[in-house]
Amino acid sequence: MKPPLKKRVPKPRNPYVALAIQRHAGEHGKSARAKRQAEKQALKKSLHEQ
């Protein structure tokens, strides 16, 4: 009879990664939505000035 296979224990997860993702940690910058709105406003302004 074969010996039973060993169960693989998953590598423990870093608890700080989940927290960082939830609060959008990292470099501060404008969101994609804010950038789109700023571009749209700049386009309207340049068209209005002409």
PDB file of N, CA and C in Angstrom:
ATOM      1  N   MET A   1       0.836  -1.180   0.000  1.00  0.00           N
ATOM      2  CA  MET A   1       0.000   0.000   0.000  1.00  0.00           C
ATOM      3  C   MET A   1       0.887   1.251   0.000  1.00  0.00           C
ATOM      4  N   LYS A   2       0.484   2.266  -0.807  1.00  0.00           N
ATOM      5  CA  LYS A   2       1.244   3.509  -0.898  1.00  0.00           C
ATOM      6  C   LYS A   2       0.940   4.396   0.309  1.00  0.00           C
ATOM      7  N   PRO A   3       1.924   5.166   0.733  1.00  0.00           N
ATOM      8  CA  PRO A   3       1.655   6.122   1.821  1.00  0.00           C
ATOM      9  C   PRO A   3       0.771   7.259   1.281  1.00  0.00           C
ATOM     10  N   PRO A   4      -0.057   7.846   2.120  1.00  0.00           N
ATOM     11  CA  PRO A   4      -0.935   8.920   1.647  1.00  0.00           C
ATOM     12  C   PRO A   4      -0.116  10.132   1.194  1.00  0.00           C
ATOM     13  N   LEU A   5      -0.634  10.840   0.172  1.00  0.00           N
ATOM     14  CA  LEU A   5       0.043  12.031  -0.336  1.00  0.00           C
ATOM     15  C   LEU A   5      -0.002  13.141   0.710  1.00  0.00           C
ATOM     16  N   LYS A   6       1.068  13.914   0.739  1.00  0.00           N
ATOM     17  CA  LYS A   6       1.105  15.046   1.662  1.00  0.00           C
ATOM     18  C   LYS A   6       0.235  16.168   1.103  1.00  0.00           C
ATOM     19  N   LYS A   7      -0.513  16.821   1.970  1.00  0.00           N
ATOM     20  CA  LYS A   7      -1.318  17.955   1.545  1.00  0.00           C
ATOM     21  C   LYS A   7      -0.418  19.168   1.422  1.00  0.00           C
ATOM     22  N   ARG A   8      -0.595  19.884   0.349  1.00  0.00           N
ATOM     23  CA  ARG A   8       0.187  21.107   0.173  1.00  0.00           C
ATOM     24  C   ARG A   8      -0.443  22.230   0.979  1.00  0.00           C
ATOM     25  N   VAL A   9       0.361  22.880   1.768  1.00  0.00           N
ATOM     26  CA  VAL A   9      -0.115  24.009   2.557  1.00  0.00           C
ATOM     27  C   VAL A   9       0.165  25.263   1.736  1.00  0.00           C
ATOM     28  N   PRO A  10      -0.864  26.050   1.442  1.00  0.00           N
ATOM     29  CA  PRO A  10      -0.622  27.257   0.635  1.00  0.00           C
ATOM     30  C   PRO A  10       0.251  28.256   1.386  1.00  0.00           C
ATOM     31  N   LYS A  11       0.988  29.015   0.591  1.00  0.00           N
ATOM     32  CA  LYS A  11       1.867  30.024   1.153  1.00  0.00           C
ATOM     33  C   LYS A  11       1.012  31.081   1.863  1.00  0.00           C
ATOM     34  N   PRO A  12       1.383  31.510   3.050  1.00  0.00           N
ATOM     35  CA  PRO A  12       0.556  32.503   3.749  1.00  0.00           C
ATOM     36  C   PRO A  12       0.521  33.822   2.979  1.00  0.00           C
ATOM     37  N   ARG A  13      -0.645  34.425   2.943  1.00  0.00           N
ATOM     38  CA  ARG A  13      -0.798  35.685   2.215  1.00  0.00           C
ATOM     39  C   ARG A  13      -0.322  36.861   3.053  1.00  0.00           C
ATOM     40  N   ASN A  14       0.173  37.873   2.365  1.00  0.00           N
ATOM     41  CA  ASN A  14       0.616  39.081   3.032  1.00  0.00           C
ATOM     42  C   ASN A  14      -0.628  39.893   3.413  1.00  0.00           C
ATOM     43  N   PRO A  15      -0.892  40.109   4.694  1.00  0.00           N
ATOM     44  CA  PRO A  15      -2.123  40.804   5.085  1.00  0.00           C
ATOM     45  C   PRO A  15      -2.137  42.279   4.681  1.00  0.00           C
ATOM     46  N   TYR A  16      -0.986  42.858   4.422  1.00  0.00           N
ATOM     47  CA  TYR A  16      -0.926  44.277   4.084  1.00  0.00           C
ATOM     48  C   TYR A  16      -1.319  44.543   2.638  1.00  0.00           C
ATOM     49  N   VAL A  17      -1.194  43.552   1.777  1.00  0.00           N
ATOM     50  CA  VAL A  17      -1.516  43.751   0.363  1.00  0.00           C
ATOM     51  C   VAL A  17      -3.001  44.033   0.184  1.00  0.00           C
ATOM     52  N   ALA A  18      -3.848  43.242   0.822  1.00  0.00           N
ATOM     53  CA  ALA A  18      -5.294  43.443   0.690  1.00  0.00           C
ATOM     54  C   ALA A  18      -5.688  44.827   1.195  1.00  0.00           C
ATOM     55  N   LEU A  19      -5.121  45.248   2.300  1.00  0.00           N
ATOM     56  CA  LEU A  19      -5.443  46.570   2.850  1.00  0.00           C
ATOM     57  C   LEU A  19      -4.984  47.672   1.906  1.00  0.00           C
ATOM     58  N   ALA A  20      -3.811  47.502   1.319  1.00  0.00           N
ATOM     59  CA  ALA A  20      -3.288  48.512   0.405  1.00  0.00           C
ATOM     60  C   ALA A  20      -4.156  48.628  -0.837  1.00  0.00           C
ATOM     61  N   ILE A  21      -4.625  47.506  -1.350  1.00  0.00           N
ATOM     62  CA  ILE A  21      -5.461  47.528  -2.550  1.00  0.00           C
ATOM     63  C   ILE A  21      -6.796  48.191  -2.241  1.00  0.00           C
ATOM     64  N   GLN A  22      -7.348  47.914  -1.080  1.00  0.00           N
ATOM     65  CA  GLN A  22      -8.653  48.474  -0.723  1.00  0.00           C
ATOM     66  C   GLN A  22      -8.616  49.990  -0.612  1.00  0.00           C
ATOM     67  N   ARG A  23      -7.530  50.547  -0.148  1.00  0.00           N
ATOM     68  CA  ARG A  23      -7.499  51.994   0.031  1.00  0.00           C
ATOM     69  C   ARG A  23      -6.707  52.698  -1.060  1.00  0.00           C
ATOM     70  N   HIS A  24      -6.413  51.989  -2.131  1.00  0.00           N
ATOM     71  CA  HIS A  24      -5.706  52.564  -3.276  1.00  0.00           C
ATOM     72  C   HIS A  24      -4.394  53.210  -2.832  1.00  0.00           C
ATOM     73  N   ALA A  25      -3.619  52.487  -2.075  1.00  0.00           N
ATOM     74  CA  ALA A  25      -2.360  53.013  -1.586  1.00  0.00           C
ATOM     75  C   ALA A  25      -1.401  53.209  -2.741  1.00  0.00           C
ATOM     76  N   GLY A  26      -0.488  54.088  -2.557  1.00  0.00           N
ATOM     77  CA  GLY A  26       0.527  54.324  -3.580  1.00  0.00           C
ATOM     78  C   GLY A  26       0.577  55.790  -3.955  1.00  0.00           C
ATOM     79  N   GLU A  27       1.065  56.013  -5.146  1.00  0.00           N
ATOM     80  CA  GLU A  27       1.262  57.369  -5.636  1.00  0.00           C
ATOM     81  C   GLU A  27      -0.069  58.099  -5.732  1.00  0.00           C
ATOM     82  N   HIS A  28      -0.090  59.345  -5.279  1.00  0.00           N
ATOM     83  CA  HIS A  28      -1.300  60.146  -5.355  1.00  0.00           C
ATOM     84  C   HIS A  28      -1.396  60.743  -6.746  1.00  0.00           C
ATOM     85  N   GLY A  29      -2.541  60.648  -7.338  1.00  0.00           N
ATOM     86  CA  GLY A  29      -2.736  61.215  -8.667  1.00  0.00           C
ATOM     87  C   GLY A  29      -4.211  61.239  -9.003  1.00  0.00           C
ATOM     88  N   LYS A  30      -4.526  61.886 -10.111  1.00  0.00           N
ATOM     89  CA  LYS A  30      -5.916  61.976 -10.528  1.00  0.00           C
ATOM     90  C   LYS A  30      -6.386  60.635 -11.058  1.00  0.00           C
ATOM     91  N   SER A  31      -7.659  60.367 -10.864  1.00  0.00           N
ATOM     92  CA  SER A  31      -8.246  59.136 -11.386  1.00  0.00           C
ATOM     93  C   SER A  31      -8.430  59.289 -12.894  1.00  0.00           C
ATOM     94  N   ALA A  32      -8.696  58.189 -13.555  1.00  0.00           N
ATOM     95  CA  ALA A  32      -8.910  58.217 -15.001  1.00  0.00           C
ATOM     96  C   ALA A  32     -10.115  59.093 -15.338  1.00  0.00           C
ATOM     97  N   ARG A  33     -11.147  59.025 -14.501  1.00  0.00           N
ATOM     98  CA  ARG A  33     -12.340  59.831 -14.744  1.00  0.00           C
ATOM     99  C   ARG A  33     -12.010  61.321 -14.649  1.00  0.00           C
ATOM    100  N   ALA A  34     -11.233  61.699 -13.647  1.00  0.00           N
ATOM    101  CA  ALA A  34     -10.874  63.109 -13.477  1.00  0.00           C
ATOM    102  C   ALA A  34     -10.035  63.596 -14.662  1.00  0.00           C
ATOM    103  N   LYS A  35      -9.156  62.744 -15.159  1.00  0.00           N
ATOM    104  CA  LYS A  35      -8.339  63.121 -16.325  1.00  0.00           C
ATOM    105  C   LYS A  35      -9.209  63.327 -17.560  1.00  0.00           C
ATOM    106  N   ARG A  36     -10.179  62.417 -17.776  1.00  0.00           N
ATOM    107  CA  ARG A  36     -11.082  62.559 -18.928  1.00  0.00           C
ATOM    108  C   ARG A  36     -11.881  63.854 -18.833  1.00  0.00           C
ATOM    109  N   GLN A  37     -12.394  64.146 -17.635  1.00  0.00           N
ATOM    110  CA  GLN A  37     -13.180  65.368 -17.461  1.00  0.00           C
ATOM    111  C   GLN A  37     -12.333  66.607 -17.716  1.00  0.00           C
ATOM    112  N   ALA A  38     -11.095  66.599 -17.241  1.00  0.00           N
ATOM    113  CA  ALA A  38     -10.211  67.744 -17.443  1.00  0.00           C
ATOM    114  C   ALA A  38      -9.909  67.927 -18.932  1.00  0.00           C
ATOM    115  N   GLU A  39      -9.681  66.835 -19.648  1.00  0.00           N
ATOM    116  CA  GLU A  39      -9.421  66.927 -21.088  1.00  0.00           C
ATOM    117  C   GLU A  39     -10.646  67.473 -21.826  1.00  0.00           C
ATOM    118  N   LYS A  40     -11.824  67.008 -21.424  1.00  0.00           N
ATOM    119  CA  LYS A  40     -13.062  67.457 -22.054  1.00  0.00           C
ATOM    120  C   LYS A  40     -13.274  68.955 -21.827  1.00  0.00           C
ATOM    121  N   GLN A  41     -13.015  69.402 -20.593  1.00  0.00           N
ATOM    122  CA  GLN A  41     -13.169  70.822 -20.279  1.00  0.00           C
ATOM    123  C   GLN A  41     -12.159  71.661 -21.049  1.00  0.00           C
ATOM    124  N   ALA A  42     -10.931  71.167 -21.172  1.00  0.00           N
ATOM    125  CA  ALA A  42      -9.899  71.895 -21.906  1.00  0.00           C
ATOM    126  C   ALA A  42     -10.275  71.998 -23.386  1.00  0.00           C
ATOM    127  N   LEU A  43     -10.838  70.935 -23.938  1.00  0.00           N
ATOM    128  CA  LEU A  43     -11.263  70.951 -25.336  1.00  0.00           C
ATOM    129  C   LEU A  43     -12.381  71.969 -25.547  1.00  0.00           C
ATOM    130  N   LYS A  44     -13.373  71.958 -24.644  1.00  0.00           N
ATOM    131  CA  LYS A  44     -14.467  72.925 -24.754  1.00  0.00           C
ATOM    132  C   LYS A  44     -13.950  74.351 -24.656  1.00  0.00           C
ATOM    133  N   LYS A  45     -13.001  74.574 -23.751  1.00  0.00           N
ATOM    134  CA  LYS A  45     -12.453  75.917 -23.551  1.00  0.00           C
ATOM    135  C   LYS A  45     -11.701  76.375 -24.796  1.00  0.00           C
ATOM    136  N   SER A  46     -10.903  75.468 -25.386  1.00  0.00           N
ATOM    137  CA  SER A  46     -10.131  75.863 -26.579  1.00  0.00           C
ATOM    138  C   SER A  46     -11.064  76.104 -27.768  1.00  0.00           C
ATOM    139  N   LEU A  47     -12.149  75.348 -27.882  1.00  0.00           N
ATOM    140  CA  LEU A  47     -13.082  75.551 -28.979  1.00  0.00           C
ATOM    141  C   LEU A  47     -13.869  76.852 -28.777  1.00  0.00           C
ATOM    142  N   HIS A  48     -14.168  77.183 -27.531  1.00  0.00           N
ATOM    143  CA  HIS A  48     -14.916  78.396 -27.216  1.00  0.00           C
ATOM    144  C   HIS A  48     -14.077  79.642 -27.506  1.00  0.00           C
ATOM    145  N   GLU A  49     -12.773  79.572 -27.282  1.00  0.00           N
ATOM    146  CA  GLU A  49     -11.882  80.732 -27.477  1.00  0.00           C
ATOM    147  C   GLU A  49     -11.676  81.027 -28.958  1.00  0.00           C
ATOM    148  N   GLN A  50     -11.851  80.076 -29.819  1.00  0.00           N
ATOM    149  CA  GLN A  50     -11.598  80.322 -31.252  1.00  0.00           C
ATOM    150  C   GLN A  50     -12.706  81.068 -31.908  1.00  0.00           C
TER     151      GLN A  50
END
